[in-house]
Protein backbone atom coordinates (compact mmCIF):
# COMPACT_ATOMS: atom_id res chain seq x y z
CA UNK A 1 8.26 -20.09 20.56
CA UNK A 2 6.36 -21.00 17.56
CA UNK A 3 2.83 -21.58 16.21
CA UNK A 4 2.56 -24.82 14.99
CA UNK A 5 0.38 -26.38 12.51
CA UNK A 6 0.84 -30.11 12.23
CA UNK A 7 -1.31 -32.68 10.19
CA UNK A 8 -1.25 -34.98 6.83
CA UNK A 9 -0.66 -33.10 4.02
CA UNK A 10 -3.91 -33.33 2.38
CA UNK A 11 -5.75 -32.40 5.49
CA UNK A 12 -3.22 -28.94 5.79
CA UNK A 13 -4.30 -27.98 2.36
CA UNK A 14 -8.27 -28.09 3.01
CA UNK A 15 -7.61 -26.58 6.42
CA UNK A 16 -6.05 -23.64 4.47
CA UNK A 17 -8.26 -23.59 1.64
CA UNK A 18 -11.46 -23.20 3.84
CA UNK A 19 -10.00 -20.38 5.49
CA UNK A 20 -8.88 -18.72 2.62
CA UNK A 21 -12.59 -19.18 0.86
CA UNK A 22 -14.31 -18.37 4.30
CA UNK A 23 -16.68 -15.17 3.94
CA UNK A 24 -17.05 -14.67 7.88
CA UNK A 25 -16.80 -11.11 9.20
CA UNK A 26 -14.61 -11.59 12.02
CA UNK A 27 -11.05 -13.03 12.24
CA UNK A 28 -11.71 -15.44 14.83
CA UNK A 29 -14.63 -17.00 12.41
CA UNK A 30 -12.69 -16.84 9.42
CA UNK A 31 -9.31 -18.78 10.91
CA UNK A 32 -11.22 -21.11 13.30
CA UNK A 33 -10.86 -24.29 11.54
CA UNK A 34 -7.08 -23.46 10.89
CA UNK A 35 -6.40 -22.29 14.68
CA UNK A 36 -8.32 -25.42 16.05
CA UNK A 37 -5.71 -27.34 14.36
CA UNK A 38 -2.34 -25.27 15.67
CA UNK A 39 -0.95 -24.88 18.71
CA UNK A 40 1.54 -22.52 20.32
CA UNK A 41 4.69 -24.32 21.42
CA UNK A 42 7.40 -22.69 23.56
CA UNK A 43 10.99 -23.00 22.25
CA UNK A 44 12.39 -25.16 25.04
CA UNK A 45 10.08 -28.15 23.88
CA UNK A 46 9.63 -27.15 20.09
CA UNK A 47 12.73 -28.87 18.75
CA UNK A 48 12.38 -31.65 21.29
CA UNK A 49 8.69 -32.11 19.54
CA UNK A 50 10.19 -31.98 16.11
CA UNK A 51 12.66 -34.23 16.51
CA UNK A 52 13.74 -36.75 13.58
CA UNK A 53 11.77 -34.08 11.44
CA UNK A 54 13.11 -32.71 8.49
CA UNK A 55 13.28 -29.29 7.62
CA UNK A 56 14.23 -27.93 10.80
CA UNK A 57 17.80 -26.39 9.90
CA UNK A 58 17.66 -22.78 10.85
CA UNK A 59 14.73 -22.90 12.79
CA UNK A 60 16.18 -22.40 16.20
CA UNK A 61 18.03 -19.26 14.97
CA UNK A 62 14.93 -17.52 13.30
CA UNK A 63 13.11 -18.28 16.85
CA UNK A 64 16.22 -16.30 18.67
CA UNK A 65 16.79 -13.51 16.12
CA UNK A 66 13.10 -12.37 15.74
CA UNK A 67 11.64 -8.95 17.29
CA UNK A 68 9.23 -10.66 19.82
CA UNK A 69 7.22 -6.98 19.75
CA UNK A 70 6.06 -7.50 15.83
CA UNK A 71 7.27 -10.99 14.62
CA UNK A 72 6.44 -14.62 15.35
CA UNK A 73 7.30 -17.81 13.86
CA UNK A 74 5.16 -20.35 12.18
CA UNK A 75 6.03 -23.77 11.78
CA UNK A 76 3.94 -26.39 9.16
CA UNK A 77 4.70 -29.88 9.71
CA UNK A 78 3.00 -32.51 7.25
CA UNK A 79 2.98 -36.04 7.96
CA UNK A 80 3.99 -37.41 5.14
CA UNK A 81 3.88 -41.37 6.21
CA UNK A 82 4.39 -43.54 9.14
CA UNK A 83 6.97 -41.67 11.44
CA UNK A 84 7.85 -39.37 8.41
CA UNK A 85 7.50 -35.41 9.19
CA UNK A 86 8.82 -32.99 7.17
CA UNK A 87 8.37 -29.31 8.05
CA UNK A 88 8.35 -25.50 6.79
CA UNK A 89 8.95 -22.72 9.01
CA UNK A 90 8.97 -18.80 8.48
CA UNK A 91 8.87 -15.40 10.31
CA UNK A 92 5.94 -13.10 9.94
CA UNK A 93 5.09 -9.64 11.21
CA UNK A 94 1.99 -9.00 13.44
CA UNK A 95 1.17 -6.66 16.08
CA UNK A 96 -0.45 -7.93 19.49
CA UNK A 97 -4.18 -6.95 19.86
CA UNK A 98 -4.80 -5.88 16.32
CA UNK A 99 -8.71 -4.73 15.87
CA UNK A 100 -10.55 -6.78 13.49
CA UNK A 101 -11.14 -4.11 10.73
CA UNK A 102 -10.92 -3.80 7.07
CA UNK A 103 -10.34 -1.01 4.41
CA UNK A 104 -14.36 -0.39 4.85
CA UNK A 105 -14.03 1.40 7.62
CA UNK A 106 -12.12 3.88 6.22
CA UNK A 107 -14.48 4.92 3.44
CA UNK A 108 -15.39 8.38 3.26
CA UNK A 109 -18.30 11.04 2.55
CA UNK A 110 -21.17 9.25 0.82
CA UNK A 111 -19.57 5.69 1.05
CA UNK A 112 -20.03 5.43 4.64
CA UNK A 113 -23.74 5.91 4.46
CA UNK A 114 -23.84 2.73 2.32
CA UNK A 115 -22.18 0.30 4.49
CA UNK A 116 -20.66 0.46 8.20
CA UNK A 117 -19.18 -3.18 7.72
CA UNK A 118 -17.65 -5.68 5.17
CA UNK A 119 -19.84 -6.03 2.13
CA UNK A 120 -21.37 -9.38 1.53
CA UNK A 121 -21.00 -9.43 -2.04
CA UNK A 122 -18.50 -11.61 -3.67
CA UNK A 123 -15.40 -10.10 -5.16
CA UNK A 124 -14.36 -10.86 -8.40
CA UNK A 125 -10.49 -10.82 -7.96
CA UNK A 126 -9.42 -8.64 -4.79
CA UNK A 127 -10.97 -8.84 -1.79
CA UNK A 128 -10.37 -6.62 1.17
CA UNK A 129 -7.95 -7.93 4.07
CA UNK A 130 -7.02 -7.07 7.37
CA UNK A 131 -5.35 -3.92 7.95
CA UNK A 132 -2.80 -3.36 10.80
CA UNK A 133 -2.22 -0.36 12.99
CA UNK A 134 -0.70 2.81 11.77
CA UNK A 135 2.84 3.46 12.59
CA UNK A 136 4.33 5.65 15.27
CA UNK A 137 5.75 9.01 14.24
CA UNK A 138 8.99 10.02 16.47
CA UNK A 139 8.54 13.50 18.31
CA UNK A 140 11.39 14.98 16.23
CA UNK A 141 9.67 14.91 12.94
CA UNK A 142 7.23 17.88 12.35
CA UNK A 143 3.60 16.69 12.01
CA UNK A 144 0.92 18.52 10.10
CA UNK A 145 -2.73 19.91 11.64
CA UNK A 146 -4.22 16.73 10.66
CA UNK A 147 -2.19 14.57 12.38
CA UNK A 148 -4.14 14.53 15.65
CA UNK A 149 -7.41 15.47 13.99
CA UNK A 150 -7.52 13.80 10.63
CA UNK A 151 -8.82 17.23 9.34
CA UNK A 152 -6.26 19.28 7.06
CA UNK A 153 -7.61 22.33 7.91
CA UNK A 154 -4.87 24.72 6.78
CA UNK A 155 -5.18 23.18 3.59
CA UNK A 156 -9.16 23.22 3.21
CA UNK A 157 -8.92 27.30 4.27
CA UNK A 158 -6.02 28.05 1.88
CA UNK A 159 -6.12 30.22 -0.83
CA UNK A 160 -4.16 28.11 -2.78
CA UNK A 161 -7.18 25.99 -2.83
CA UNK A 162 -8.61 28.04 -5.71
CA UNK A 163 -5.46 29.74 -6.96
CA UNK A 164 -2.43 28.20 -8.17
CA UNK A 165 0.41 29.27 -6.00
CA UNK A 166 3.54 30.51 -7.55
CA UNK A 167 6.65 29.78 -5.86
CA UNK A 168 9.32 31.64 -4.91
CA UNK A 169 13.24 30.66 -5.47
CA UNK A 170 13.67 29.19 -2.08
CA UNK A 171 10.12 27.47 -2.12
CA UNK A 172 11.29 26.06 -5.77
CA UNK A 173 14.78 24.74 -4.07
CA UNK A 174 12.83 23.15 -1.18
CA UNK A 175 10.45 21.69 -3.67
CA UNK A 176 13.47 19.86 -5.36
CA UNK A 177 14.67 18.74 -2.40
CA UNK A 178 11.21 17.12 -1.50
CA UNK A 179 11.08 15.41 -4.88
CA UNK A 180 14.20 13.77 -4.79
CA UNK A 181 13.55 12.40 -1.31
CA UNK A 182 10.56 11.05 -2.81
CA UNK A 183 12.07 9.32 -5.49
CA UNK A 184 14.32 8.03 -3.29
CA UNK A 185 11.28 6.41 -0.89
CA UNK A 186 9.68 5.31 -4.17
CA UNK A 187 12.87 3.58 -5.41
CA UNK A 188 13.05 1.86 -1.89
CA UNK A 189 9.28 0.61 -2.13
CA UNK A 190 10.06 -0.82 -5.70
CA UNK A 191 13.04 -2.74 -4.31
CA UNK A 192 10.58 -4.86 -2.25
CA UNK A 193 7.97 -5.36 -4.56
CA UNK A 194 7.71 -9.30 -5.40
CA UNK A 195 5.60 -12.39 -5.02
CA UNK A 196 4.47 -12.80 -1.36
CA UNK A 197 5.32 -9.55 -0.04
CA UNK A 198 2.44 -7.81 1.22
CA UNK A 199 1.17 -4.15 0.79
CA UNK A 200 1.52 -3.70 4.55
CA UNK A 201 5.22 -4.37 4.36
CA UNK A 202 5.32 -2.01 1.56
CA UNK A 203 3.82 0.53 4.04
CA UNK A 204 6.36 0.06 6.15
CA UNK A 205 9.29 0.42 4.10
CA UNK A 206 8.42 3.59 3.20
CA UNK A 207 6.93 4.63 6.50
CA UNK A 208 10.74 3.97 7.72
CA UNK A 209 12.59 5.79 4.85
CA UNK A 210 10.49 8.66 5.24
CA UNK A 211 11.05 8.96 8.51
CA UNK A 212 15.06 8.08 8.35
CA UNK A 213 15.14 11.04 5.69
CA UNK A 214 13.22 13.65 8.45
CA UNK A 215 10.15 13.81 6.61
CA UNK A 216 6.66 12.98 7.14
CA UNK A 217 4.75 10.59 5.31
CA UNK A 218 1.75 13.01 4.19
CA UNK A 219 -1.06 10.41 3.41
CA UNK A 220 -0.66 9.45 7.14
CA UNK A 221 -3.93 10.48 9.02
CA UNK A 222 -4.97 12.70 5.99
CA UNK A 223 -8.67 12.67 6.17
CA UNK A 224 -8.34 9.92 8.91
CA UNK A 225 -6.42 7.74 6.03
CA UNK A 226 -4.64 5.05 8.16
CA UNK A 227 -1.33 4.36 6.36
CA UNK A 228 1.72 5.97 5.39
CA UNK A 229 1.45 5.45 1.66
CA UNK A 230 -1.25 4.51 -0.81
CA UNK A 231 -0.92 0.88 -2.63
CA UNK A 232 -3.39 0.12 -5.46
CA UNK A 233 -3.43 -3.43 -6.71
CA UNK A 234 -4.45 -4.38 -9.92
CA UNK A 235 -8.48 -3.03 -10.87
CA UNK A 236 -8.22 -0.48 -7.75
CA UNK A 237 -7.54 2.92 -9.40
CA UNK A 238 -6.22 4.63 -6.72
CA UNK A 239 -5.51 5.54 -2.88
CA UNK A 240 -5.63 1.96 -2.10
CA UNK A 241 -5.24 0.99 1.44
CA UNK A 242 -2.21 -1.13 2.55
CA UNK A 243 -3.57 -4.50 4.28
CA UNK A 244 -2.20 -8.15 4.91
CA UNK A 245 -2.88 -9.42 1.27
CA UNK A 246 0.19 -10.84 -0.09
CA UNK A 247 0.86 -9.81 -3.68
CA UNK A 248 0.38 -12.68 -6.12
CA UNK A 249 2.21 -13.80 -9.13
CA UNK A 250 0.77 -11.50 -12.47
CA UNK A 251 -0.30 -8.66 -9.99
CA UNK A 252 0.45 -5.08 -10.78
CA UNK A 253 0.82 -2.61 -8.01
CA UNK A 254 0.84 1.06 -8.06
CA UNK A 255 2.78 2.48 -5.27
CA UNK A 256 1.73 6.22 -4.49
CA UNK A 257 4.38 8.28 -2.33
CA UNK A 258 4.01 11.67 -0.58
CA UNK A 259 6.56 13.39 1.47
CA UNK A 260 6.83 16.19 3.67
CA UNK A 261 10.49 17.65 3.51
CA UNK A 262 11.25 21.23 4.82
CA UNK A 263 7.42 22.08 4.57
CA UNK A 264 7.24 21.32 0.93
CA UNK A 265 5.04 18.28 -0.26
CA UNK A 266 6.71 15.73 -3.12
CA UNK A 267 3.67 13.52 -4.39
CA UNK A 268 4.46 11.07 -7.14
CA UNK A 269 3.67 7.17 -8.06
CA UNK A 270 4.60 4.24 -10.17
CA UNK A 271 3.07 1.28 -11.14
CA UNK A 272 5.30 -2.18 -10.64
CA UNK A 273 4.92 -5.31 -12.29
CA UNK A 274 4.96 -8.63 -9.85
CA UNK A 275 6.42 -12.09 -11.05
CA UNK A 276 5.22 -13.00 -14.39
CA UNK A 277 2.59 -10.34 -15.75
CA UNK A 278 0.46 -10.64 -18.78
CA UNK A 279 1.25 -8.72 -22.05
CA UNK A 280 -2.18 -6.71 -21.63
CA UNK A 281 -1.17 -5.20 -18.17
CA UNK A 282 2.41 -4.56 -19.47
CA UNK A 283 0.91 -2.54 -22.27
CA UNK A 284 -1.47 -0.63 -19.79
CA UNK A 285 1.45 -0.08 -17.59
CA UNK A 286 3.38 1.12 -20.61
CA UNK A 287 0.87 3.48 -22.10
CA UNK A 288 0.20 5.25 -19.04
CA UNK A 289 3.92 6.03 -18.53
CA UNK A 290 4.24 7.34 -21.51
CA UNK A 291 1.48 9.36 -21.61
CA UNK A 292 2.70 11.05 -18.25
CA UNK A 293 6.27 11.77 -20.32
CA UNK A 294 4.22 13.51 -23.16
CA UNK A 295 1.89 15.40 -20.69
CA UNK A 296 5.42 16.50 -19.11
CA UNK A 297 6.87 17.86 -22.26
CA UNK A 298 3.74 20.06 -22.47
CA UNK A 299 4.51 21.70 -19.48
CA UNK A 300 5.89 25.27 -19.90
CA UNK A 301 5.08 29.07 -19.46
CA UNK A 302 1.72 29.90 -20.54
CA UNK A 303 0.23 26.54 -21.54
CA UNK A 304 -3.02 25.68 -20.73
CA UNK A 305 -3.74 23.21 -17.87
CA UNK A 306 -7.08 21.95 -19.76
CA UNK A 307 -4.82 20.96 -22.97
CA UNK A 308 -2.66 17.91 -20.87
CA UNK A 309 -6.06 16.02 -20.67
CA UNK A 310 -6.15 15.86 -24.72
CA UNK A 311 -2.57 14.80 -25.16
CA UNK A 312 -2.98 11.84 -22.24
CA UNK A 313 -6.40 10.76 -23.57
CA UNK A 314 -5.12 10.50 -27.05
CA UNK A 315 -2.30 8.32 -26.27
CA UNK A 316 -3.97 6.04 -23.94
CA UNK A 317 -6.65 5.53 -26.51
CA UNK A 318 -4.44 4.98 -29.12
CA UNK A 319 -2.89 1.98 -27.11
CA UNK A 320 -6.61 0.66 -26.84
CA UNK A 321 -7.24 1.96 -23.15
CA UNK A 322 -9.59 4.58 -21.66
CA UNK A 323 -8.89 7.42 -19.09
CA UNK A 324 -10.76 7.05 -15.76
CA UNK A 325 -12.40 10.31 -15.28
CA UNK A 326 -12.98 9.87 -11.45
CA UNK A 327 -9.74 11.57 -10.64
CA UNK A 328 -7.58 14.18 -11.59
CA UNK A 329 -4.04 15.63 -11.07
CA UNK A 330 -3.36 18.55 -8.74
CA UNK A 331 -1.22 21.26 -7.54
CA UNK A 332 1.61 20.28 -4.95
CA UNK A 333 3.61 22.57 -2.65
CA UNK A 334 3.25 23.73 0.74
CA UNK A 335 -0.16 21.84 0.75
CA UNK A 336 -0.76 18.27 -0.19
CA UNK A 337 -3.74 19.30 -2.65
CA UNK A 338 -4.43 22.48 -3.90
CA UNK A 339 -5.16 24.32 -7.26
CA UNK A 340 -4.74 23.74 -10.18
CA UNK A 341 -7.03 20.53 -11.06
CA UNK A 342 -5.41 18.65 -14.01
CA UNK A 343 -7.74 16.51 -15.70
CA UNK A 344 -6.73 13.42 -17.69
CA UNK A 345 -9.44 13.30 -20.34
CA UNK A 346 -9.93 15.36 -23.27
CA UNK A 347 -12.42 18.33 -23.71
CA UNK A 348 -12.28 19.48 -19.97
CA UNK A 349 -13.03 22.75 -18.52
CA UNK A 350 -9.57 23.14 -16.26
CA UNK A 351 -9.16 26.55 -15.45
CA UNK A 352 -5.60 28.66 -15.51
CA UNK A 353 -2.41 28.60 -17.36
CA UNK A 354 0.84 27.93 -16.54
CA UNK A 355 3.60 30.23 -14.91
CA UNK A 356 7.03 30.90 -14.44
């Protein structure tokens, strides 16, 4: 069957606008007006009810080919005039009995003390959307210690947390394989970035491609993070939680991929443009991209990690932007996060120099 929303075009526009602007805490309240106008119609009577309606081409095939466990069909029927109907239909993804939660429930440390529910203030642009459940990891995939508990204890208690590990030749080869897989996963995510795609769908693609490669998506359950990738849209600095918000024309979205392959972690990200993006956003993306490669060019035995921030700051500031000092780069290898810390700003006090 399908969920059918029918009415005059002006009425339908009003219903959508009211639902979109709602600040109600729970979904049943946010979409109360919309759901009051919609009804579930079994497949047997759907096409009969839409007899004479334009736009039904492909509807029957769409219903018959959908995954009934994860997808549903929505049909919007506009009443254009007396006895004149036209519909549009699409197949959407969903999960039965999704709890009504948002990313604010996953705020950790001191943030949890500030709010246990959705904040009541108005958002300038982005606002939290519904977060779907995490995706399953099959039994044959090796899972980290935090998969069940959310606590990366091995990492937290490791010597590598304080002293940068020096990889053996065998570890370096495994690291290279992990990085190649990570790049392939990130490219797969890039291929679906477009207007109308949700970051939850990006998470699904990243999760599926990671599992197909025999790898584990490192963000999943790390400190209770609920998804397999981080997606940060527009003003979100990093570590954004994929949700059901659709990407809009003019957005930029950073996709942060981390995969565990043969016991080694890959960790890489890239910022992508969505549709027609303003020149200042493009300039921001280019400035950060170029600063990355200027920093990479510094990497050689004997170089100090503290000097990387100066090179990044000089280039970014010269392009008219500033470095966010809240987060920094980090070591990677057998652990998701380890020494050294790599600040992105000048005049920092990072320790250690690079070793072959």
